[in-house]
Amino acid sequence: MEKDGMAVPVLSDPKWLMALAFLVDITQELNVLNKKLQGQGQLVSAAYDNLSQTNLCHFPACKALMDVGTSFSSEKYADAIMKLQEEFDRRFADFKTHRATFQIFADPFSFDVQDAPPVLQMELIDLQCNSELKVKFREVSGNADKLGQFERIATHLP
């Protein structure tokens, strides 16, 4: 823009550039998280696990500016990260209340029946007692679409 005769003073302001770098880094992390959450065969329990990690410590754009001498005030951006965390907590509060249910579907054969909702306990006992289903579930548990494969196998059993 400067070569077109239009001065852009913010492009030489280190504080503004650091804020832009922070925005770039946060946007990149949210994009990675979004792609993980939309992955094919992604179970709700896996989505919950990804969100509960809240590992937002990688800021390469900010680091690049720091490497050339731009100061980074972690206090300034800590508030933005806290607000982001609060928003995630608010939006995904239902995930926390249904955590046990997600765990039942993620691995029904390892789930303690006593911790299951009463309406699911008998079904869970029947499922856990079925050796053939347990073997089939373990066989497909490493695949991305394990729930879909398990459902297809389970429907063909007597």
N, C-alpha and C. Protein backbone atom coordinates (compact mmCIF):
# COMPACT_ATOMS: atom_id res chain seq x y z
N MET A 1 0.82 -1.19 0.00
CA MET A 1 0.00 0.00 0.00
C MET A 1 0.87 1.25 0.00
N GLU A 2 2.02 1.16 0.67
CA GLU A 2 2.89 2.33 0.70
C GLU A 2 3.45 2.65 -0.68
N LYS A 3 3.66 1.64 -1.52
CA LYS A 3 4.18 1.91 -2.86
C LYS A 3 3.12 2.59 -3.73
N ASP A 4 1.85 2.48 -3.35
CA ASP A 4 0.78 3.16 -4.07
C ASP A 4 0.57 4.58 -3.55
N GLY A 5 1.45 5.01 -2.65
CA GLY A 5 1.34 6.36 -2.12
C GLY A 5 0.42 6.48 -0.93
N MET A 6 -0.06 5.37 -0.42
CA MET A 6 -0.95 5.39 0.74
C MET A 6 -0.17 4.91 1.96
N ALA A 7 0.09 5.79 2.89
CA ALA A 7 0.82 5.43 4.10
C ALA A 7 -0.10 4.63 5.03
N VAL A 8 0.45 3.60 5.61
CA VAL A 8 -0.30 2.76 6.55
C VAL A 8 0.52 2.71 7.84
N PRO A 9 0.30 3.68 8.73
CA PRO A 9 1.15 3.79 9.92
C PRO A 9 1.07 2.57 10.86
N VAL A 10 -0.06 1.88 10.89
CA VAL A 10 -0.17 0.74 11.81
C VAL A 10 0.79 -0.38 11.44
N LEU A 11 1.20 -0.45 10.19
CA LEU A 11 2.11 -1.52 9.77
C LEU A 11 3.52 -1.34 10.34
N SER A 12 3.79 -0.19 10.91
CA SER A 12 5.09 0.01 11.56
C SER A 12 4.94 0.14 13.08
N ASP A 13 3.74 -0.08 13.59
CA ASP A 13 3.49 -0.02 15.04
C ASP A 13 3.69 -1.42 15.63
N PRO A 14 4.74 -1.62 16.45
CA PRO A 14 5.01 -2.96 17.00
C PRO A 14 3.87 -3.52 17.84
N LYS A 15 3.18 -2.68 18.59
CA LYS A 15 2.07 -3.17 19.41
C LYS A 15 0.93 -3.67 18.53
N TRP A 16 0.63 -2.94 17.47
CA TRP A 16 -0.43 -3.37 16.57
C TRP A 16 -0.04 -4.65 15.85
N LEU A 17 1.21 -4.75 15.43
CA LEU A 17 1.69 -5.95 14.76
C LEU A 17 1.63 -7.16 15.68
N MET A 18 1.95 -6.97 16.97
CA MET A 18 1.89 -8.09 17.91
C MET A 18 0.43 -8.51 18.12
N ALA A 19 -0.48 -7.55 18.19
CA ALA A 19 -1.90 -7.89 18.32
C ALA A 19 -2.37 -8.67 17.09
N LEU A 20 -1.92 -8.27 15.92
CA LEU A 20 -2.26 -8.99 14.69
C LEU A 20 -1.67 -10.41 14.72
N ALA A 21 -0.43 -10.53 15.16
CA ALA A 21 0.21 -11.85 15.25
C ALA A 21 -0.55 -12.75 16.21
N PHE A 22 -0.98 -12.18 17.34
CA PHE A 22 -1.75 -12.95 18.31
C PHE A 22 -3.06 -13.43 17.68
N LEU A 23 -3.73 -12.56 16.95
CA LEU A 23 -4.97 -12.92 16.28
C LEU A 23 -4.73 -14.03 15.24
N VAL A 24 -3.64 -13.93 14.51
CA VAL A 24 -3.29 -14.97 13.53
C VAL A 24 -3.10 -16.31 14.22
N ASP A 25 -2.36 -16.31 15.34
CA ASP A 25 -2.09 -17.56 16.06
C ASP A 25 -3.36 -18.17 16.64
N ILE A 26 -4.19 -17.36 17.26
CA ILE A 26 -5.44 -17.87 17.84
C ILE A 26 -6.36 -18.40 16.74
N THR A 27 -6.44 -17.67 15.64
CA THR A 27 -7.28 -18.11 14.53
C THR A 27 -6.78 -19.44 13.97
N GLN A 28 -5.47 -19.60 13.88
CA GLN A 28 -4.89 -20.86 13.40
C GLN A 28 -5.25 -22.01 14.34
N GLU A 29 -5.13 -21.80 15.65
CA GLU A 29 -5.47 -22.84 16.62
C GLU A 29 -6.96 -23.21 16.54
N LEU A 30 -7.81 -22.21 16.39
CA LEU A 30 -9.25 -22.48 16.28
C LEU A 30 -9.57 -23.22 14.99
N ASN A 31 -8.85 -22.90 13.92
CA ASN A 31 -9.04 -23.60 12.65
C ASN A 31 -8.65 -25.07 12.78
N VAL A 32 -7.53 -25.34 13.42
CA VAL A 32 -7.09 -26.73 13.64
C VAL A 32 -8.13 -27.48 14.48
N LEU A 33 -8.60 -26.83 15.55
CA LEU A 33 -9.62 -27.44 16.40
C LEU A 33 -10.89 -27.72 15.61
N ASN A 34 -11.31 -26.77 14.81
CA ASN A 34 -12.52 -26.92 14.00
C ASN A 34 -12.39 -28.12 13.05
N LYS A 35 -11.24 -28.26 12.41
CA LYS A 35 -11.04 -29.39 11.50
C LYS A 35 -11.07 -30.72 12.25
N LYS A 36 -10.50 -30.74 13.46
CA LYS A 36 -10.55 -31.97 14.26
C LYS A 36 -11.99 -32.32 14.62
N LEU A 37 -12.76 -31.32 14.99
CA LEU A 37 -14.14 -31.56 15.40
C LEU A 37 -15.02 -32.01 14.24
N GLN A 38 -14.66 -31.63 13.03
CA GLN A 38 -15.45 -32.00 11.87
C GLN A 38 -14.93 -33.24 11.17
N GLY A 39 -13.91 -33.87 11.72
CA GLY A 39 -13.31 -35.03 11.08
C GLY A 39 -14.29 -36.17 10.89
N GLN A 40 -14.12 -36.92 9.80
CA GLN A 40 -15.00 -38.04 9.51
C GLN A 40 -14.85 -39.10 10.59
N GLY A 41 -15.96 -39.62 11.04
CA GLY A 41 -15.94 -40.66 12.06
C GLY A 41 -15.65 -40.12 13.45
N GLN A 42 -15.69 -38.83 13.63
CA GLN A 42 -15.38 -38.22 14.92
C GLN A 42 -16.54 -38.46 15.88
N LEU A 43 -16.25 -39.10 16.99
CA LEU A 43 -17.27 -39.33 18.00
C LEU A 43 -17.40 -38.09 18.88
N VAL A 44 -18.55 -37.91 19.48
CA VAL A 44 -18.76 -36.78 20.38
C VAL A 44 -17.76 -36.84 21.52
N SER A 45 -17.45 -38.04 21.99
CA SER A 45 -16.49 -38.17 23.09
C SER A 45 -15.11 -37.68 22.67
N ALA A 46 -14.72 -37.89 21.43
CA ALA A 46 -13.43 -37.40 20.95
C ALA A 46 -13.45 -35.88 20.84
N ALA A 47 -14.57 -35.33 20.43
CA ALA A 47 -14.70 -33.88 20.37
C ALA A 47 -14.54 -33.28 21.76
N TYR A 48 -15.16 -33.91 22.74
CA TYR A 48 -15.02 -33.45 24.12
C TYR A 48 -13.56 -33.50 24.56
N ASP A 49 -12.89 -34.59 24.26
CA ASP A 49 -11.48 -34.73 24.65
C ASP A 49 -10.63 -33.63 24.02
N ASN A 50 -10.86 -33.33 22.75
CA ASN A 50 -10.11 -32.27 22.08
C ASN A 50 -10.34 -30.93 22.74
N LEU A 51 -11.56 -30.65 23.10
CA LEU A 51 -11.86 -29.37 23.71
C LEU A 51 -11.32 -29.26 25.12
N SER A 52 -11.34 -30.35 25.86
CA SER A 52 -10.91 -30.28 27.25
C SER A 52 -9.40 -30.14 27.38
N GLN A 53 -8.64 -30.36 26.31
CA GLN A 53 -7.20 -30.19 26.37
C GLN A 53 -6.81 -28.71 26.46
N THR A 54 -7.55 -27.86 25.81
CA THR A 54 -7.33 -26.40 25.81
C THR A 54 -5.85 -26.03 25.78
N ASN A 55 -5.13 -26.62 24.87
CA ASN A 55 -3.71 -26.35 24.75
C ASN A 55 -3.51 -25.27 23.69
N LEU A 56 -3.47 -24.02 24.12
CA LEU A 56 -3.30 -22.90 23.20
C LEU A 56 -1.96 -22.21 23.41
N CYS A 57 -0.93 -22.97 23.67
CA CYS A 57 0.36 -22.37 24.03
C CYS A 57 1.29 -22.16 22.84
N HIS A 58 0.89 -22.47 21.65
CA HIS A 58 1.76 -22.34 20.49
C HIS A 58 1.39 -21.10 19.69
N PHE A 59 2.25 -20.12 19.72
CA PHE A 59 2.00 -18.84 19.05
C PHE A 59 3.16 -18.50 18.12
N PRO A 60 3.28 -19.18 16.98
CA PRO A 60 4.45 -18.96 16.11
C PRO A 60 4.53 -17.55 15.53
N ALA A 61 3.42 -16.92 15.21
CA ALA A 61 3.48 -15.57 14.66
C ALA A 61 3.98 -14.59 15.72
N CYS A 62 3.53 -14.75 16.95
CA CYS A 62 4.01 -13.90 18.04
C CYS A 62 5.50 -14.15 18.28
N LYS A 63 5.91 -15.41 18.24
CA LYS A 63 7.31 -15.75 18.45
C LYS A 63 8.19 -15.12 17.37
N ALA A 64 7.72 -15.13 16.13
CA ALA A 64 8.49 -14.53 15.04
C ALA A 64 8.72 -13.05 15.28
N LEU A 65 7.71 -12.35 15.77
CA LEU A 65 7.88 -10.93 16.08
C LEU A 65 8.80 -10.73 17.27
N MET A 66 8.69 -11.60 18.27
CA MET A 66 9.58 -11.50 19.43
C MET A 66 11.03 -11.73 19.01
N ASP A 67 11.25 -12.61 18.06
CA ASP A 67 12.61 -12.91 17.59
C ASP A 67 13.28 -11.71 16.93
N VAL A 68 12.48 -10.78 16.42
CA VAL A 68 13.06 -9.58 15.81
C VAL A 68 13.00 -8.39 16.76
N GLY A 69 12.71 -8.66 18.04
CA GLY A 69 12.81 -7.61 19.06
C GLY A 69 11.51 -6.97 19.50
N THR A 70 10.38 -7.40 18.98
CA THR A 70 9.10 -6.83 19.41
C THR A 70 8.74 -7.40 20.77
N SER A 71 8.33 -6.53 21.68
CA SER A 71 8.00 -7.01 23.03
C SER A 71 6.62 -7.67 23.03
N PHE A 72 6.50 -8.66 23.87
CA PHE A 72 5.25 -9.40 24.00
C PHE A 72 4.80 -9.31 25.44
N SER A 73 3.61 -8.75 25.66
CA SER A 73 3.05 -8.63 27.00
C SER A 73 2.03 -9.74 27.19
N SER A 74 2.42 -10.77 27.93
CA SER A 74 1.51 -11.89 28.11
C SER A 74 0.25 -11.48 28.86
N GLU A 75 0.37 -10.48 29.74
CA GLU A 75 -0.81 -10.02 30.49
C GLU A 75 -1.88 -9.48 29.54
N LYS A 76 -1.43 -8.79 28.49
CA LYS A 76 -2.38 -8.20 27.55
C LYS A 76 -3.22 -9.27 26.86
N TYR A 77 -2.60 -10.39 26.53
CA TYR A 77 -3.29 -11.43 25.78
C TYR A 77 -3.90 -12.50 26.68
N ALA A 78 -3.50 -12.52 27.94
CA ALA A 78 -4.08 -13.49 28.88
C ALA A 78 -5.58 -13.27 29.02
N ASP A 79 -6.00 -12.02 29.02
CA ASP A 79 -7.43 -11.71 29.13
C ASP A 79 -8.19 -12.25 27.92
N ALA A 80 -7.62 -12.10 26.74
CA ALA A 80 -8.28 -12.61 25.53
C ALA A 80 -8.40 -14.13 25.58
N ILE A 81 -7.36 -14.79 26.07
CA ILE A 81 -7.41 -16.25 26.18
C ILE A 81 -8.44 -16.67 27.22
N MET A 82 -8.50 -15.95 28.34
CA MET A 82 -9.49 -16.27 29.37
C MET A 82 -10.91 -16.10 28.84
N LYS A 83 -11.15 -15.03 28.08
CA LYS A 83 -12.48 -14.83 27.50
C LYS A 83 -12.82 -15.94 26.51
N LEU A 84 -11.83 -16.36 25.75
CA LEU A 84 -12.03 -17.46 24.81
C LEU A 84 -12.37 -18.75 25.57
N GLN A 85 -11.64 -19.01 26.66
CA GLN A 85 -11.90 -20.19 27.48
C GLN A 85 -13.31 -20.13 28.08
N GLU A 86 -13.72 -18.97 28.57
CA GLU A 86 -15.07 -18.82 29.13
C GLU A 86 -16.13 -19.08 28.07
N GLU A 87 -15.88 -18.62 26.85
CA GLU A 87 -16.84 -18.84 25.77
C GLU A 87 -16.93 -20.32 25.41
N PHE A 88 -15.79 -21.00 25.37
CA PHE A 88 -15.81 -22.45 25.13
C PHE A 88 -16.58 -23.15 26.24
N ASP A 89 -16.30 -22.78 27.48
CA ASP A 89 -17.00 -23.40 28.62
C ASP A 89 -18.50 -23.19 28.51
N ARG A 90 -18.91 -21.98 28.13
CA ARG A 90 -20.33 -21.68 28.01
C ARG A 90 -20.97 -22.49 26.87
N ARG A 91 -20.31 -22.50 25.73
CA ARG A 91 -20.88 -23.18 24.56
C ARG A 91 -20.91 -24.69 24.69
N PHE A 92 -19.97 -25.24 25.44
CA PHE A 92 -19.87 -26.69 25.54
C PHE A 92 -20.20 -27.20 26.93
N ALA A 93 -20.99 -26.45 27.68
CA ALA A 93 -21.38 -26.88 29.02
C ALA A 93 -22.13 -28.20 28.98
N ASP A 94 -22.95 -28.40 27.96
CA ASP A 94 -23.69 -29.66 27.83
C ASP A 94 -22.76 -30.86 27.68
N PHE A 95 -21.62 -30.65 27.05
CA PHE A 95 -20.68 -31.75 26.90
C PHE A 95 -20.23 -32.26 28.26
N LYS A 96 -19.98 -31.36 29.19
CA LYS A 96 -19.51 -31.78 30.51
C LYS A 96 -20.60 -32.53 31.26
N THR A 97 -21.84 -32.11 31.12
CA THR A 97 -22.92 -32.79 31.84
C THR A 97 -23.20 -34.17 31.27
N HIS A 98 -22.83 -34.41 30.02
CA HIS A 98 -23.08 -35.70 29.38
C HIS A 98 -21.81 -36.53 29.21
N ARG A 99 -20.77 -36.18 29.93
CA ARG A 99 -19.49 -36.87 29.78
C ARG A 99 -19.61 -38.39 29.97
N ALA A 100 -20.32 -38.81 31.01
CA ALA A 100 -20.46 -40.25 31.27
C ALA A 100 -21.15 -40.95 30.11
N THR A 101 -22.17 -40.32 29.56
CA THR A 101 -22.88 -40.92 28.42
C THR A 101 -21.95 -41.05 27.22
N PHE A 102 -21.12 -40.04 26.98
CA PHE A 102 -20.16 -40.12 25.87
C PHE A 102 -19.20 -41.28 26.09
N GLN A 103 -18.76 -41.46 27.33
CA GLN A 103 -17.82 -42.54 27.62
C GLN A 103 -18.46 -43.91 27.42
N ILE A 104 -19.73 -44.02 27.70
CA ILE A 104 -20.43 -45.29 27.46
C ILE A 104 -20.35 -45.65 25.98
N PHE A 105 -20.61 -44.69 25.12
CA PHE A 105 -20.61 -44.97 23.68
C PHE A 105 -19.20 -45.10 23.12
N ALA A 106 -18.22 -44.44 23.73
CA ALA A 106 -16.84 -44.54 23.25
C ALA A 106 -16.25 -45.92 23.54
N ASP A 107 -16.57 -46.49 24.70
CA ASP A 107 -16.08 -47.82 25.05
C ASP A 107 -17.05 -48.49 26.01
N PRO A 108 -18.14 -49.02 25.48
CA PRO A 108 -19.18 -49.59 26.35
C PRO A 108 -18.73 -50.83 27.12
N PHE A 109 -17.69 -51.49 26.67
CA PHE A 109 -17.26 -52.72 27.32
C PHE A 109 -16.38 -52.46 28.54
N SER A 110 -15.84 -51.27 28.67
CA SER A 110 -15.01 -50.93 29.83
C SER A 110 -15.75 -50.06 30.83
N PHE A 111 -16.92 -49.61 30.47
CA PHE A 111 -17.65 -48.67 31.33
C PHE A 111 -18.26 -49.40 32.52
N ASP A 112 -18.12 -48.83 33.71
CA ASP A 112 -18.70 -49.42 34.93
C ASP A 112 -20.22 -49.25 34.89
N VAL A 113 -20.92 -50.36 34.91
CA VAL A 113 -22.38 -50.35 34.81
C VAL A 113 -23.01 -49.51 35.91
N GLN A 114 -22.43 -49.51 37.10
CA GLN A 114 -22.98 -48.74 38.22
C GLN A 114 -22.97 -47.23 37.95
N ASP A 115 -22.06 -46.78 37.08
CA ASP A 115 -21.97 -45.35 36.76
C ASP A 115 -22.90 -44.96 35.61
N ALA A 116 -23.52 -45.92 34.97
CA ALA A 116 -24.42 -45.65 33.85
C ALA A 116 -25.78 -45.19 34.35
N PRO A 117 -26.48 -44.38 33.56
CA PRO A 117 -27.85 -44.02 33.92
C PRO A 117 -28.69 -45.29 34.06
N PRO A 118 -29.61 -45.33 35.01
CA PRO A 118 -30.41 -46.54 35.25
C PRO A 118 -31.09 -47.10 34.01
N VAL A 119 -31.54 -46.23 33.11
CA VAL A 119 -32.24 -46.71 31.92
C VAL A 119 -31.31 -47.46 30.96
N LEU A 120 -30.00 -47.28 31.10
CA LEU A 120 -29.05 -47.95 30.21
C LEU A 120 -28.35 -49.15 30.86
N GLN A 121 -28.52 -49.32 32.15
CA GLN A 121 -27.75 -50.34 32.85
C GLN A 121 -28.00 -51.76 32.34
N MET A 122 -29.24 -52.15 32.15
CA MET A 122 -29.53 -53.50 31.68
C MET A 122 -29.00 -53.73 30.26
N GLU A 123 -29.18 -52.74 29.40
CA GLU A 123 -28.65 -52.86 28.04
C GLU A 123 -27.13 -52.98 28.07
N LEU A 124 -26.50 -52.21 28.94
CA LEU A 124 -25.05 -52.24 29.05
C LEU A 124 -24.56 -53.59 29.57
N ILE A 125 -25.28 -54.15 30.53
CA ILE A 125 -24.93 -55.48 31.05
C ILE A 125 -25.04 -56.52 29.93
N ASP A 126 -26.14 -56.48 29.18
CA ASP A 126 -26.32 -57.42 28.07
C ASP A 126 -25.19 -57.28 27.05
N LEU A 127 -24.85 -56.06 26.74
CA LEU A 127 -23.79 -55.80 25.77
C LEU A 127 -22.44 -56.31 26.27
N GLN A 128 -22.13 -56.01 27.53
CA GLN A 128 -20.84 -56.42 28.09
C GLN A 128 -20.73 -57.94 28.24
N CYS A 129 -21.83 -58.63 28.33
CA CYS A 129 -21.82 -60.10 28.45
C CYS A 129 -21.70 -60.80 27.10
N ASN A 130 -21.83 -60.08 26.03
CA ASN A 130 -21.76 -60.66 24.70
C ASN A 130 -20.30 -60.69 24.23
N SER A 131 -19.66 -61.84 24.36
CA SER A 131 -18.24 -61.99 24.02
C SER A 131 -17.96 -61.70 22.56
N GLU A 132 -18.86 -62.13 21.69
CA GLU A 132 -18.65 -61.91 20.26
C GLU A 132 -18.63 -60.42 19.92
N LEU A 133 -19.56 -59.68 20.50
CA LEU A 133 -19.58 -58.23 20.26
C LEU A 133 -18.34 -57.57 20.84
N LYS A 134 -17.91 -58.03 22.00
CA LYS A 134 -16.72 -57.46 22.64
C LYS A 134 -15.50 -57.64 21.74
N VAL A 135 -15.33 -58.83 21.18
CA VAL A 135 -14.20 -59.09 20.28
C VAL A 135 -14.28 -58.21 19.04
N LYS A 136 -15.46 -58.14 18.44
CA LYS A 136 -15.63 -57.32 17.24
C LYS A 136 -15.36 -55.84 17.53
N PHE A 137 -15.83 -55.36 18.68
CA PHE A 137 -15.60 -53.97 19.04
C PHE A 137 -14.11 -53.69 19.17
N ARG A 138 -13.38 -54.58 19.81
CA ARG A 138 -11.93 -54.41 19.98
C ARG A 138 -11.22 -54.43 18.63
N GLU A 139 -11.71 -55.25 17.70
CA GLU A 139 -11.10 -55.32 16.37
C GLU A 139 -11.22 -54.01 15.62
N VAL A 140 -12.36 -53.36 15.72
CA VAL A 140 -12.58 -52.14 14.95
C VAL A 140 -12.26 -50.88 15.74
N SER A 141 -11.89 -51.00 17.00
CA SER A 141 -11.71 -49.82 17.85
C SER A 141 -10.58 -48.91 17.40
N GLY A 142 -9.64 -49.39 16.60
CA GLY A 142 -8.56 -48.55 16.12
C GLY A 142 -8.90 -47.79 14.86
N ASN A 143 -10.01 -48.08 14.26
CA ASN A 143 -10.39 -47.43 13.00
C ASN A 143 -11.13 -46.13 13.26
N ALA A 144 -11.06 -45.22 12.29
CA ALA A 144 -11.68 -43.90 12.44
C ALA A 144 -13.19 -43.99 12.60
N ASP A 145 -13.82 -44.90 11.90
CA ASP A 145 -15.27 -45.00 11.93
C ASP A 145 -15.70 -46.20 12.77
N LYS A 146 -15.15 -46.32 13.98
CA LYS A 146 -15.41 -47.52 14.77
C LYS A 146 -16.86 -47.67 15.16
N LEU A 147 -17.55 -46.59 15.47
CA LEU A 147 -18.94 -46.71 15.85
C LEU A 147 -19.78 -47.21 14.68
N GLY A 148 -19.55 -46.66 13.51
CA GLY A 148 -20.29 -47.10 12.34
C GLY A 148 -20.03 -48.56 12.00
N GLN A 149 -18.77 -48.96 12.07
CA GLN A 149 -18.43 -50.36 11.80
C GLN A 149 -19.05 -51.28 12.84
N PHE A 150 -18.98 -50.87 14.09
CA PHE A 150 -19.53 -51.68 15.17
C PHE A 150 -21.03 -51.85 14.99
N GLU A 151 -21.73 -50.78 14.63
CA GLU A 151 -23.18 -50.87 14.43
C GLU A 151 -23.50 -51.83 13.28
N ARG A 152 -22.72 -51.77 12.19
CA ARG A 152 -22.96 -52.67 11.05
C ARG A 152 -22.74 -54.13 11.45
N ILE A 153 -21.71 -54.38 12.23
CA ILE A 153 -21.42 -55.75 12.68
C ILE A 153 -22.51 -56.22 13.64
N ALA A 154 -22.89 -55.36 14.58
CA ALA A 154 -23.87 -55.73 15.60
C ALA A 154 -25.23 -56.06 15.00
N THR A 155 -25.59 -55.40 13.92
CA THR A 155 -26.91 -55.66 13.32
C THR A 155 -26.97 -57.01 12.62
N HIS A 156 -25.81 -57.61 12.30
CA HIS A 156 -25.78 -58.91 11.62
C HIS A 156 -25.66 -60.08 12.58
N LEU A 157 -25.56 -59.81 13.88
CA LEU A 157 -25.46 -60.88 14.86
C LEU A 157 -26.85 -61.32 15.32
N PRO A 158 -26.97 -62.60 15.73
CA PRO A 158 -28.29 -63.09 16.17
C PRO A 158 -28.74 -62.42 17.46
